[in-house]
């Protein structure tokens, strides 16, 4: 079995490592080996490719803050848009990747490594890599329409 799944976005590949879980809002969650309810969270390669060239990141909450599903926790700006960031599951935001505040380029180059965004303590059930791939597949047609619309504006 491969250690990643691949989704083709036209000619570009979006890879999804199979060592972590996923959320419908296009975030990955990698459980801590010592504390399985603590997860490192980042944007999937799919979402990074849609955003294109992230160059600004700001948080609107502090570490240690309890959060609800879909609660806004910050903003991310890219060459495509200024977007709000929402927590994928309820829990507690434990820490932020402070290095990204100075230079968020790791989000573009290493989304599954140094480009992680924050740590979240949650016991929510995550999507499996295959379930996330199916979710992306189901929404790809709508995403393509959005991309074409943006290109024509």
Protein backbone atom coordinates (compact mmCIF):
# COMPACT_ATOMS: atom_id res chain seq x y z
CA UNK A 1 0.00 0.00 0.00
CA UNK A 2 1.28 3.46 -0.90
CA UNK A 3 2.02 5.94 1.87
CA UNK A 4 0.00 8.61 0.06
CA UNK A 5 -3.04 9.03 -2.15
CA UNK A 6 -2.92 11.30 -5.21
CA UNK A 7 -5.65 13.51 -6.64
CA UNK A 8 -5.12 15.04 -10.08
CA UNK A 9 -6.07 18.72 -10.28
CA UNK A 10 -5.87 18.95 -14.04
CA UNK A 11 -2.14 18.33 -14.63
CA UNK A 12 -1.10 19.11 -11.03
CA UNK A 13 -0.93 16.46 -8.33
CA UNK A 14 -2.31 16.95 -4.84
CA UNK A 15 -0.88 14.35 -2.49
CA UNK A 16 -2.51 13.14 0.72
CA UNK A 17 -0.24 11.23 3.13
CA UNK A 18 -1.94 8.20 4.66
CA UNK A 19 -0.32 8.63 8.11
CA UNK A 20 -2.87 11.22 9.22
CA UNK A 21 -6.56 12.07 9.27
CA UNK A 22 -8.38 14.81 7.40
CA UNK A 23 -11.24 17.29 7.76
CA UNK A 24 -13.80 18.42 5.22
CA UNK A 25 -12.40 21.97 5.37
CA UNK A 26 -9.22 20.70 3.66
CA UNK A 27 -7.02 20.41 6.72
CA UNK A 28 -4.91 17.44 7.78
CA UNK A 29 -4.46 16.31 11.39
CA UNK A 30 -1.43 14.29 12.45
CA UNK A 31 -1.81 12.69 15.90
CA UNK A 32 0.99 13.07 18.42
CA UNK A 33 2.53 9.62 19.09
CA UNK A 34 2.49 10.19 22.87
CA UNK A 35 -0.84 12.00 23.22
CA UNK A 36 -3.26 10.74 20.51
CA UNK A 37 -5.85 13.46 21.26
CA UNK A 38 -3.26 16.14 20.35
CA UNK A 39 -2.90 16.80 16.62
CA UNK A 40 -0.64 18.94 14.49
CA UNK A 41 -2.92 20.64 11.92
CA UNK A 42 -2.16 22.05 8.49
CA UNK A 43 -3.64 22.76 5.07
CA UNK A 44 -3.76 19.94 2.55
CA UNK A 45 -1.83 20.20 -0.68
CA UNK A 46 -5.20 20.47 -2.44
CA UNK A 47 -6.13 23.62 -0.51
CA UNK A 48 -2.64 25.10 -0.88
CA UNK A 49 -2.83 24.63 -4.66
CA UNK A 50 -6.22 26.36 -4.73
CA UNK A 51 -4.96 29.26 -2.60
CA UNK A 52 -1.71 29.69 -4.56
CA UNK A 53 1.29 31.38 -2.99
CA UNK A 54 0.38 32.04 0.66
CA UNK A 55 2.25 35.13 1.88
CA UNK A 56 0.48 36.29 5.07
CA UNK A 57 -0.94 34.56 8.15
CA UNK A 58 -2.47 36.01 11.32
CA UNK A 59 -4.18 34.43 14.33
CA UNK A 60 -7.18 35.98 16.11
CA UNK A 61 -7.09 33.74 19.21
CA UNK A 62 -4.41 32.83 21.74
CA UNK A 63 -2.95 29.39 22.49
CA UNK A 64 -4.96 27.56 25.14
CA UNK A 65 -8.28 28.76 23.72
CA UNK A 66 -11.21 26.31 23.65
CA UNK A 67 -12.79 26.27 20.18
CA UNK A 68 -15.99 25.06 18.51
CA UNK A 69 -16.26 23.42 15.10
CA UNK A 70 -15.97 26.00 12.30
CA UNK A 71 -14.90 28.76 14.72
CA UNK A 72 -12.79 31.40 12.99
CA UNK A 73 -9.27 31.44 14.41
CA UNK A 74 -7.34 33.60 11.95
CA UNK A 75 -6.74 34.75 8.40
CA UNK A 76 -4.53 33.64 5.55
CA UNK A 77 -3.72 35.72 2.50
CA UNK A 78 -2.50 34.42 -0.82
CA UNK A 79 -2.18 35.63 -4.37
CA UNK A 80 -5.77 34.43 -4.87
CA UNK A 81 -7.63 35.79 -1.84
CA UNK A 82 -7.82 36.78 1.80
CA UNK A 83 -9.51 33.87 3.59
CA UNK A 84 -10.60 33.16 7.12
CA UNK A 85 -9.19 30.07 8.82
CA UNK A 86 -11.64 27.89 10.74
CA UNK A 87 -10.91 25.13 13.21
CA UNK A 88 -12.02 21.76 11.78
CA UNK A 89 -13.22 20.21 15.04
CA UNK A 90 -14.07 21.26 18.59
CA UNK A 91 -11.32 21.18 21.16
CA UNK A 92 -8.49 23.40 22.34
CA UNK A 93 -5.92 25.19 20.20
CA UNK A 94 -2.77 24.37 22.15
CA UNK A 95 -0.07 26.16 20.12
CA UNK A 96 0.63 27.92 16.84
CA UNK A 97 3.55 27.43 14.47
CA UNK A 98 5.14 30.78 15.35
CA UNK A 99 7.72 30.51 12.54
CA UNK A 100 4.92 30.97 9.99
CA UNK A 101 4.07 34.43 11.32
CA UNK A 102 7.49 35.67 10.14
CA UNK A 103 7.62 33.61 6.95
CA UNK A 104 4.55 31.61 5.87
CA UNK A 105 6.26 30.28 2.71
CA UNK A 106 6.60 26.81 4.31
CA UNK A 107 2.82 26.47 3.83
CA UNK A 108 3.49 26.56 0.07
CA UNK A 109 6.60 24.39 0.00
CA UNK A 110 6.13 21.91 2.88
CA UNK A 111 2.40 21.80 3.73
CA UNK A 112 2.74 18.39 5.45
CA UNK A 113 5.91 19.30 7.36
CA UNK A 114 7.22 22.71 8.41
CA UNK A 115 4.05 24.33 7.02
CA UNK A 116 1.83 23.02 9.83
CA UNK A 117 -0.43 25.73 11.29
CA UNK A 118 -1.40 24.85 14.87
CA UNK A 119 -1.80 22.07 17.43
CA UNK A 120 -5.34 21.05 18.36
CA UNK A 121 -6.47 18.85 21.23
CA UNK A 122 -9.60 17.02 20.07
CA UNK A 123 -11.18 13.60 20.30
CA UNK A 124 -13.27 14.08 17.14
CA UNK A 125 -13.49 11.39 14.50
CA UNK A 126 -11.35 12.34 11.49
CA UNK A 127 -11.85 11.44 7.85
CA UNK A 128 -9.62 8.64 6.62
CA UNK A 129 -7.34 9.52 3.68
CA UNK A 130 -9.70 7.64 1.34
CA UNK A 131 -12.76 9.43 2.72
CA UNK A 132 -11.00 12.76 2.22
CA UNK A 133 -10.02 11.82 -1.35
CA UNK A 134 -13.67 10.94 -2.04
CA UNK A 135 -14.71 14.31 -0.56
CA UNK A 136 -12.26 16.19 -2.81
CA UNK A 137 -13.41 14.19 -5.83
CA UNK A 138 -17.05 15.07 -5.11
CA UNK A 139 -16.28 18.81 -4.91
CA UNK A 140 -13.77 19.06 -7.77
CA UNK A 141 -16.32 20.04 -10.43
CA UNK A 142 -17.50 23.01 -8.33
CA UNK A 143 -13.90 23.99 -7.55
CA UNK A 144 -13.07 24.05 -11.27
CA UNK A 145 -16.00 26.40 -11.94
CA UNK A 146 -14.77 28.71 -9.16
CA UNK A 147 -11.22 28.68 -10.59
CA UNK A 148 -12.47 29.53 -14.08
CA UNK A 149 -14.63 32.34 -12.69
CA UNK A 150 -11.64 33.81 -10.80
CA UNK A 151 -9.50 33.66 -13.94
CA UNK A 152 -12.11 35.67 -15.86
CA UNK A 153 -12.46 38.43 -13.25
